[in-house]
Protein backbone atom coordinates (compact mmCIF):
# COMPACT_ATOMS: atom_id res chain seq x y z
CA MET A 1 9.77 -12.38 -10.14
CA ASN A 2 6.70 -10.22 -10.37
CA LEU A 3 6.45 -7.02 -8.42
CA VAL A 4 3.22 -4.94 -8.41
CA VAL A 5 3.26 -1.24 -8.00
CA CYS A 6 -0.28 -0.06 -6.99
CA ASP A 7 -2.06 3.25 -7.24
CA SER A 8 -5.59 4.77 -7.53
CA GLY A 9 -4.69 6.42 -10.85
CA LEU A 10 -1.56 7.10 -12.75
CA GLY A 11 0.55 8.92 -10.00
CA GLY A 12 2.49 5.82 -9.14
CA LEU A 13 3.79 5.35 -12.81
CA ASP A 14 6.33 7.92 -11.68
CA ILE A 15 7.50 5.42 -8.94
CA ALA A 16 7.38 2.54 -11.26
CA ALA A 17 9.49 4.38 -13.90
CA GLU A 18 12.49 4.42 -11.47
CA PHE A 19 12.74 0.59 -12.19
CA PHE A 20 13.82 1.76 -15.57
CA GLY A 21 16.48 4.14 -14.42
CA ASN A 22 19.94 4.36 -16.19
CA GLY A 23 22.77 2.52 -14.41
CA LYS A 24 20.37 0.76 -12.04
CA SER A 25 22.29 -2.03 -10.44
CA SER A 26 20.90 -4.96 -8.50
CA ASP A 27 20.63 -8.72 -9.00
CA SER A 28 16.91 -8.24 -8.58
CA LYS A 29 15.15 -8.33 -11.93
CA TYR A 30 11.37 -7.85 -11.91
CA ASN A 31 8.35 -7.97 -14.21
CA VAL A 32 6.85 -4.96 -13.06
CA ILE A 33 3.09 -5.09 -12.96
CA TYR A 34 1.19 -1.62 -12.57
CA VAL A 35 -2.38 -2.18 -10.97
CA ASN A 36 -4.53 0.83 -11.46
CA ALA A 37 -6.88 0.29 -8.37
CA TRP A 38 -9.41 3.10 -9.41
CA PRO A 39 -12.60 0.87 -9.11
CA ASP A 40 -14.89 2.23 -11.59
CA ASP A 41 -15.02 5.11 -14.55
CA ARG A 42 -17.75 6.83 -12.36
CA PHE A 43 -15.90 6.86 -8.85
CA GLY A 44 -13.00 6.45 -7.05
CA TYR A 45 -12.01 6.43 -3.54
CA ASN A 46 -12.40 9.98 -2.78
CA GLN A 47 -15.84 9.86 -3.91
CA MET A 48 -16.47 7.54 -1.11
CA LEU A 49 -15.04 10.07 1.31
CA GLY A 50 -16.92 9.66 4.75
CA ASP A 51 -17.61 5.84 3.91
CA GLU A 52 -14.52 4.13 5.32
CA GLU A 53 -16.10 0.83 5.00
CA SER A 54 -16.65 0.93 1.48
CA GLN A 55 -13.31 2.19 0.70
CA LEU A 56 -11.74 -0.85 2.84
CA ARG A 57 -14.09 -3.30 1.08
CA VAL A 58 -13.02 -2.11 -2.25
CA LEU A 59 -9.18 -1.90 -1.39
CA ARG A 60 -9.52 -5.67 0.09
CA ASN A 61 -10.59 -6.76 -3.51
CA VAL A 62 -7.82 -5.09 -5.02
CA MET A 63 -5.59 -6.91 -2.89
CA GLU A 64 -7.09 -10.06 -3.66
CA GLY A 65 -6.68 -9.53 -7.59
CA ILE A 66 -3.07 -8.44 -6.86
CA ALA A 67 -2.55 -11.76 -5.18
CA LYS A 68 -3.38 -13.59 -8.49
CA PHE A 69 0.16 -12.37 -9.94
CA ASN A 70 1.97 -13.87 -7.08
CA PRO A 71 4.12 -10.85 -6.30
CA VAL A 72 7.23 -10.78 -4.38
CA ASN A 73 6.24 -7.42 -3.32
CA CYS A 74 3.61 -5.05 -3.88
CA VAL A 75 4.36 -1.09 -3.59
CA ILE A 76 1.48 0.96 -2.72
CA ALA A 77 2.41 4.14 -4.69
CA CYS A 78 -0.36 5.96 -3.43
CA ASN A 79 -0.95 7.91 -0.21
CA THR A 80 -4.54 7.68 -0.13
CA LEU A 81 -4.58 3.83 -0.57
CA CYS A 82 -1.56 3.58 1.98
CA ILE A 83 -3.69 5.11 4.66
CA LEU A 84 -6.71 2.84 4.08
CA TRP A 85 -3.96 -0.03 3.73
CA ASN A 86 -2.64 0.60 7.31
CA LYS A 87 -6.29 0.32 8.60
CA LEU A 88 -6.88 -2.52 6.53
CA ALA A 89 -3.88 -4.39 7.43
CA THR A 90 -4.98 -4.80 11.22
CA SER A 91 -7.68 -7.30 10.16
CA TYR A 92 -6.56 -8.71 6.90
CA ASP A 93 -3.37 -10.16 5.47
CA PRO A 94 -2.84 -10.52 1.59
CA GLY A 95 -0.08 -12.95 1.71
CA PHE A 96 2.48 -11.08 0.05
CA HIS A 97 4.76 -8.23 1.59
CA ILE A 98 3.83 -4.76 1.13
CA THR A 99 5.80 -1.62 0.72
CA GLY A 100 3.80 1.70 1.49
CA LEU A 101 4.73 5.53 0.81
CA VAL A 102 3.35 6.91 4.10
CA GLU A 103 6.29 5.74 6.21
CA ILE A 104 8.90 7.05 3.52
CA ALA A 105 7.14 10.33 3.19
CA SER A 106 6.94 10.73 7.06
CA VAL A 107 10.43 10.43 7.26
CA LEU A 108 11.12 12.65 4.35
CA MET A 109 9.12 15.59 6.60
CA GLU A 110 10.57 14.84 9.72
CA LYS A 111 14.14 15.29 8.47
CA ALA A 112 13.34 18.43 6.81
CA LEU A 113 11.59 19.90 9.98
CA ALA A 114 14.58 19.02 11.99
CA ARG A 115 17.26 20.51 9.36
CA HIS A 116 15.21 23.72 9.22
CA ALA A 117 14.41 25.34 12.92
CA GLY A 118 11.49 27.30 12.83
CA SER A 119 9.97 26.09 9.55
CA ARG A 120 6.70 25.14 8.66
CA LEU A 121 5.08 22.12 6.77
CA LEU A 122 2.27 22.31 4.61
CA ILE A 123 0.72 18.80 3.64
CA LEU A 124 -0.96 18.83 0.31
CA GLY A 125 -3.18 15.75 -0.67
CA THR A 126 -6.44 14.10 -1.69
CA ALA A 127 -9.37 14.70 0.31
CA THR A 128 -9.14 11.29 1.79
CA THR A 129 -5.32 11.83 2.84
CA VAL A 130 -6.02 15.19 4.31
CA ALA A 131 -9.18 14.26 6.04
CA SER A 132 -7.52 11.30 7.74
CA GLY A 133 -4.88 13.43 9.50
CA ALA A 134 -2.67 10.76 9.30
CA TYR A 135 0.38 12.88 8.17
CA GLU A 136 -0.24 15.49 10.92
CA ASN A 137 -0.74 13.04 13.70
CA GLU A 138 2.50 11.27 12.62
CA MET A 139 4.32 14.39 12.87
CA LEU A 140 3.05 15.47 16.09
CA ARG A 141 3.97 11.74 17.35
CA ARG A 142 7.57 12.73 16.17
CA GLY A 143 7.70 15.56 18.72
CA PHE A 144 6.85 18.59 16.42
CA ALA A 145 4.74 21.37 17.51
CA ARG A 146 1.10 21.68 16.31
CA GLU A 147 1.35 24.96 15.26
CA ARG A 148 4.30 24.03 12.74
CA ILE A 149 2.06 21.58 10.92
CA HIS A 150 -0.70 22.36 8.47
CA ALA A 151 -2.71 20.79 5.54
CA ILE A 152 -4.82 21.63 2.67
CA PRO A 153 -7.04 19.08 0.63
CA CYS A 154 -6.75 19.26 -3.02
CA PRO A 155 -9.80 17.48 -4.43
CA GLY A 156 -9.93 16.79 -7.96
CA LEU A 157 -6.40 17.81 -8.67
CA ALA A 158 -5.09 14.28 -9.38
CA THR A 159 -7.66 13.69 -12.35
CA LEU A 160 -6.77 17.06 -13.80
CA ILE A 161 -2.93 16.23 -13.63
CA GLU A 162 -3.65 13.07 -15.52
CA ARG A 163 -5.19 14.84 -18.39
CA GLY A 164 -1.92 17.11 -18.55
CA PRO A 165 0.20 18.36 -15.92
CA ASP A 166 0.86 21.52 -17.70
CA THR A 167 -2.53 22.63 -18.72
CA PRO A 168 -3.85 26.07 -17.68
CA GLU A 169 -6.59 24.06 -15.70
CA VAL A 170 -3.84 22.66 -13.52
CA LYS A 171 -1.73 25.73 -13.19
CA SER A 172 -5.03 27.69 -12.16
CA TYR A 173 -5.91 25.10 -9.37
CA ILE A 174 -2.20 25.09 -8.15
CA GLY A 175 -2.20 29.07 -7.96
CA ARG A 176 -5.55 28.76 -6.05
CA ILE A 177 -3.96 26.42 -3.57
CA ALA A 178 -1.06 28.65 -2.94
CA GLU A 179 -3.46 31.65 -2.48
CA GLN A 180 -5.28 29.60 0.02
CA ALA A 181 -2.00 28.75 1.65
CA GLU A 182 -1.15 32.29 2.00
CA ASN A 183 -4.24 33.35 3.47
CA LYS A 184 -3.85 30.57 5.97
CA LEU A 185 -0.60 30.72 6.79
CA GLY A 186 1.08 34.32 5.68
CA ASP A 187 4.58 34.67 4.84
CA THR A 188 6.63 34.67 7.76
CA GLY A 189 9.97 34.55 5.95
CA GLY A 190 10.70 31.47 7.52
CA LYS A 191 10.91 28.39 5.09
CA LEU A 192 7.62 26.83 4.19
CA LEU A 193 8.11 22.96 3.50
CA VAL A 194 5.72 22.00 0.95
CA ALA A 195 4.82 18.41 0.94
CA LEU A 196 3.39 16.65 -2.28
CA CYS A 197 1.44 14.03 -0.53
CA CYS A 198 -0.19 12.73 -3.64
CA THR A 199 2.01 10.69 -6.23
CA HIS A 200 0.21 12.78 -8.92
CA PHE A 201 1.35 16.16 -7.85
CA PRO A 202 5.02 15.85 -8.66
CA TYR A 203 4.22 15.70 -12.26
CA ALA A 204 3.41 19.37 -11.90
CA VAL A 205 6.24 20.26 -9.94
CA SER A 206 7.31 23.25 -11.83
CA ALA A 207 3.76 24.91 -11.35
CA TRP A 208 4.09 24.06 -7.56
CA ASN A 209 7.22 25.98 -7.46
CA ASP A 210 6.23 28.73 -9.46
CA ALA A 211 2.81 29.36 -7.64
CA PHE A 212 4.52 29.15 -4.12
CA ARG A 213 7.32 31.21 -4.77
CA LYS A 214 5.07 33.88 -5.84
CA LYS A 215 3.41 33.77 -2.50
CA PHE A 216 6.39 32.80 -0.08
CA SER A 217 9.62 34.01 0.09
CA ASN A 218 11.35 30.91 1.19
CA VAL A 219 9.75 27.42 0.12
CA GLU A 220 11.06 24.11 -0.36
CA ILE A 221 9.01 21.53 -2.41
CA LEU A 222 9.36 18.04 -0.83
CA ASN A 223 8.61 15.16 -3.15
CA PRO A 224 8.25 11.57 -1.56
CA ASN A 225 8.14 10.01 -4.85
CA ARG A 226 11.79 10.29 -4.92
CA GLU A 227 12.28 8.85 -1.77
CA MET A 228 10.89 5.48 -2.49
CA ARG A 229 13.86 3.76 -3.61
CA ILE A 230 13.64 -0.29 -4.02
CA PRO A 231 16.55 -2.33 -5.26
CA GLY A 232 16.01 -3.86 -8.61
CA SER A 233 15.27 -3.24 -12.12
CA ALA A 234 12.50 -4.08 -14.67
CA VAL A 235 12.84 -6.43 -17.25
CA GLY A 236 9.25 -6.24 -18.45
CA PHE A 237 6.25 -3.98 -17.46
CA GLU A 238 2.54 -4.56 -17.69
CA TYR A 239 -0.32 -2.31 -17.29
CA ARG A 240 -3.63 -3.58 -15.76
CA SER A 241 -6.83 -1.51 -15.05
CA ARG A 242 -10.50 -2.09 -14.93
CA ILE A 243 -11.35 1.63 -16.19
CA THR A 244 -10.96 3.12 -19.64
CA MET A 245 -8.37 5.97 -20.18
CA PRO A 246 -9.42 9.24 -21.88
CA ASP A 247 -7.35 10.11 -24.92
CA ALA A 248 -6.01 13.20 -23.13
CA THR A 249 -4.80 11.09 -20.38
CA ARG A 250 -3.05 8.79 -22.80
CA ASN A 251 -1.35 11.49 -24.47
CA ALA A 252 -0.15 13.10 -21.27
CA MET A 253 1.30 9.79 -20.03
CA ARG A 254 2.94 9.25 -23.42
CA ARG A 255 4.68 12.83 -23.26
CA LEU A 256 5.98 12.11 -19.56
CA PHE A 257 7.43 8.75 -20.32
CA SER A 258 8.15 8.08 -23.82
CA LYS A 259 11.97 9.03 -23.08
CA ARG A 260 12.28 8.18 -19.39
CA ALA A 261 10.45 4.42 -19.81
CA PRO A 262 9.26 3.80 -23.15
CA ALA A 263 8.17 0.25 -21.67
CA ILE A 264 5.39 2.29 -20.00
CA THR A 265 4.22 4.14 -22.83
CA ALA A 266 4.03 0.88 -24.94
CA ALA A 267 1.94 -0.63 -22.17
CA ILE A 268 -0.51 1.99 -21.88
CA GLU A 269 -0.98 2.37 -25.71
CA LYS A 270 -1.69 -1.55 -26.03
CA TYR A 271 -3.93 -1.95 -22.57
CA ALA A 272 -7.42 -2.70 -22.78
CA PRO A 273 -9.75 -2.35 -19.69
CA GLU A 274 -10.07 -5.68 -17.44
CA PRO A 275 -13.61 -5.50 -15.65
CA ASN A 276 -12.42 -8.79 -13.78
CA LEU A 277 -9.12 -7.45 -12.72
CA PHE A 278 -10.79 -7.05 -9.15
CA SER A 279 -14.32 -6.79 -8.04
CA VAL A 280 -16.15 -3.85 -6.82
CA PRO A 281 -19.34 -4.97 -4.52
CA ALA A 282 -22.71 -4.28 -6.40
CA ASP A 283 -23.90 -2.35 -3.72
CA ILE A 284 -21.06 0.16 -3.76
CA THR A 285 -21.46 0.42 -7.33
CA GLU A 286 -24.97 1.29 -7.24
CA ARG A 287 -24.46 4.04 -4.42
CA TYR A 288 -21.76 5.92 -6.12
CA GLY A 289 -22.11 4.76 -9.65
CA LYS A 290 -24.90 7.15 -10.34
């Protein structure tokens, strides 16, 4: 059986690796196919921010490309794509089951807010995720006061993390986000719940912990990646992408997965870009590919 894990980049590999976890018991055995939905070497979904029509057109083409694999399930391991998918799904049926991250992350946030009276939630994500207001609105719908819910976008951070989650550039960026949070929220002494709402961000979890604990006295990092538990294990793994992978990114992924999931490292080492994996409309390429 084919199971697809899809992300606009490489953050979803953190979720795909769970299918190689030690002692995972299930009757479900999958050939896991990772589809990198990043559309073009020159631009991604966040470069199309404000042009939702183009974002949705590209995502529909991604889904049509995924359909060729006849998956029993497609795990959208990406907050940005999940938010876009929830809009696309109102008018389009891909013909296979979709499992998304937004509901799972929302439950994690809800439980944490309910568990810690007086706590505040800080949602960190890509520009598209934060601009959508999806998580903030969901927490309000679940009954939490607006003054407890905050968000800060982190444009470009996912790409930096792919090149190496422990680099000085990443640590400096995360330090600036912590400083921005301090200026915006202040340290009241109550618990600050920091939700990493981009699947790339947990690769740098130690940097998040270090930066925020310098600014806030009581911090808890929420990692939705660890909440996406799908029964089953991998008997094979494929990495598919339209775009090239810089050497720095390939080396960073090798370090992250060489022990945890060697099959992922092997697939990344041997892959070649597939321009026909899914199509990107010519007018969108012309508009954003300059």
